Protein backbone atom coordinates (compact mmCIF):
# COMPACT_ATOMS: atom_id res chain seq x y z
CA MET A 1 -69.79 -4.26 182.16
CA LYS A 2 -67.49 -0.88 182.31
CA THR A 3 -70.08 1.92 182.59
CA ALA A 4 -68.58 5.78 180.98
CA THR A 5 -69.01 9.23 181.44
CA ILE A 6 -72.24 11.80 179.52
CA PRO A 7 -69.99 14.55 179.34
CA SER A 8 -71.01 17.16 181.47
CA VAL A 9 -72.59 20.12 180.46
CA ARG A 10 -72.96 23.66 181.43
CA VAL A 11 -75.89 25.11 182.07
CA GLU A 12 -77.01 28.59 184.02
CA PRO A 13 -77.91 29.02 187.02
CA GLU A 14 -81.15 29.63 186.54
CA LEU A 15 -81.93 26.35 184.78
CA ARG A 16 -79.42 24.29 187.60
CA ALA A 17 -81.46 25.54 190.51
CA GLU A 18 -84.57 25.13 188.38
CA VAL A 19 -84.09 20.90 187.94
CA GLU A 20 -82.70 20.90 191.41
CA HIS A 21 -86.04 22.31 192.78
CA LEU A 22 -88.00 19.27 190.70
CA LEU A 23 -85.94 16.94 191.54
CA ALA A 24 -87.90 13.81 193.38
CA GLU A 25 -86.94 12.50 197.50
CA GLY A 26 -83.76 11.29 197.70
CA GLU A 27 -82.84 11.65 193.61
CA SER A 28 -79.35 13.05 192.63
CA MET A 29 -78.84 15.75 189.75
CA SER A 30 -77.04 12.48 188.17
CA GLU A 31 -79.87 10.13 188.10
CA PHE A 32 -81.75 13.40 187.04
CA VAL A 33 -79.12 13.80 183.77
CA GLU A 34 -79.21 9.97 183.31
CA GLU A 35 -83.34 9.86 182.91
CA ALA A 36 -83.63 12.43 181.21
CA VAL A 37 -80.99 11.14 178.72
CA ARG A 38 -82.27 8.18 178.58
CA SER A 39 -85.82 9.57 177.29
CA ALA A 40 -84.46 12.19 174.59
CA VAL A 41 -82.37 8.73 173.54
CA ARG A 42 -86.22 6.67 173.44
CA GLN A 43 -88.17 9.91 171.85
CA ARG A 44 -85.29 9.88 168.96
CA GLN A 45 -85.73 5.95 168.56
CA ASN A 46 -89.50 6.83 168.70
CA GLN A 47 -89.20 9.35 166.25
CA SER A 48 -86.94 7.07 163.60
CA ALA A 49 -88.59 3.98 163.48
CA PHE A 50 -91.83 6.13 162.94
CA ILE A 51 -90.15 8.16 160.34
CA ALA A 52 -88.76 4.64 159.17
CA ARG A 53 -92.04 2.84 158.84
CA GLY A 54 -94.03 6.27 157.14
CA LEU A 55 -90.92 5.79 154.40
CA ARG A 56 -91.81 2.31 154.29
CA SER A 57 -95.29 2.18 153.82
CA LEU A 58 -95.22 5.96 151.46
CA GLU A 59 -93.03 3.40 148.80
CA GLY A 60 -95.53 0.75 149.11
CA ALA A 61 -98.32 2.97 148.18
CA ARG A 62 -96.22 4.63 145.34
CA GLN A 63 -94.92 0.88 143.96
CA THR A 64 -99.22 -0.69 144.57
CA ARG A 65 -100.26 3.09 143.04
CA GLY A 66 -102.49 2.69 146.77
CA TYR A 67 -102.41 6.19 147.31
CA ILE A 68 -105.09 8.58 148.03
CA GLU A 69 -104.33 12.64 147.10
CA ALA A 70 -104.42 14.27 149.92
CA ASP A 71 -106.96 17.17 148.03
CA GLN A 72 -109.65 13.62 147.42
CA VAL A 73 -109.37 12.85 151.37
CA LEU A 74 -109.80 15.81 151.96
CA MET A 75 -112.81 16.67 150.32
CA GLY A 76 -114.61 13.85 151.97
CA LEU A 77 -113.23 14.92 155.25
CA ASP A 78 -115.66 18.16 154.69
CA ALA A 79 -118.40 15.85 152.94
CA LYS A 80 -118.46 14.22 156.37
CA LEU A 81 -118.35 17.00 158.22
CA ALA A 82 -120.86 18.89 156.70
CA LEU A 83 -123.27 15.52 156.63
CA ALA A 84 -122.85 15.10 160.44
CA LYS A 85 -123.86 19.20 160.88
CA ALA A 86 -126.26 18.58 158.64
CA ARG A 87 -127.62 15.92 160.96
CA LYS A 88 -126.99 17.47 164.59
CA PRO A 89 -130.41 18.57 166.09
CA ALA A 90 -131.32 22.28 167.03
CA PRO A 91 -130.27 23.73 169.98
CA ARG A 92 -132.65 23.93 172.52
CA SER A 93 -133.61 27.30 173.61
């Protein structure tokens, strides 16, 4: 497979110096940039997949009416917190 290039990016000298300072021993600027791009691509893919799963789940909940309103969930959590606080032993003096 043929390789391709990613366009060069102009940055301020301070940023370049910071990156150069962070390079691992034997690591080139190109390797650092390639890994950064790969990492950003994975992050975007994961984010897109997460959003897609959430939207599918929401649609499924709407179709089955299997969802609870946010205010009901928060009220339930508040009640659990109050119960936990009431059960907590008093601090020792």
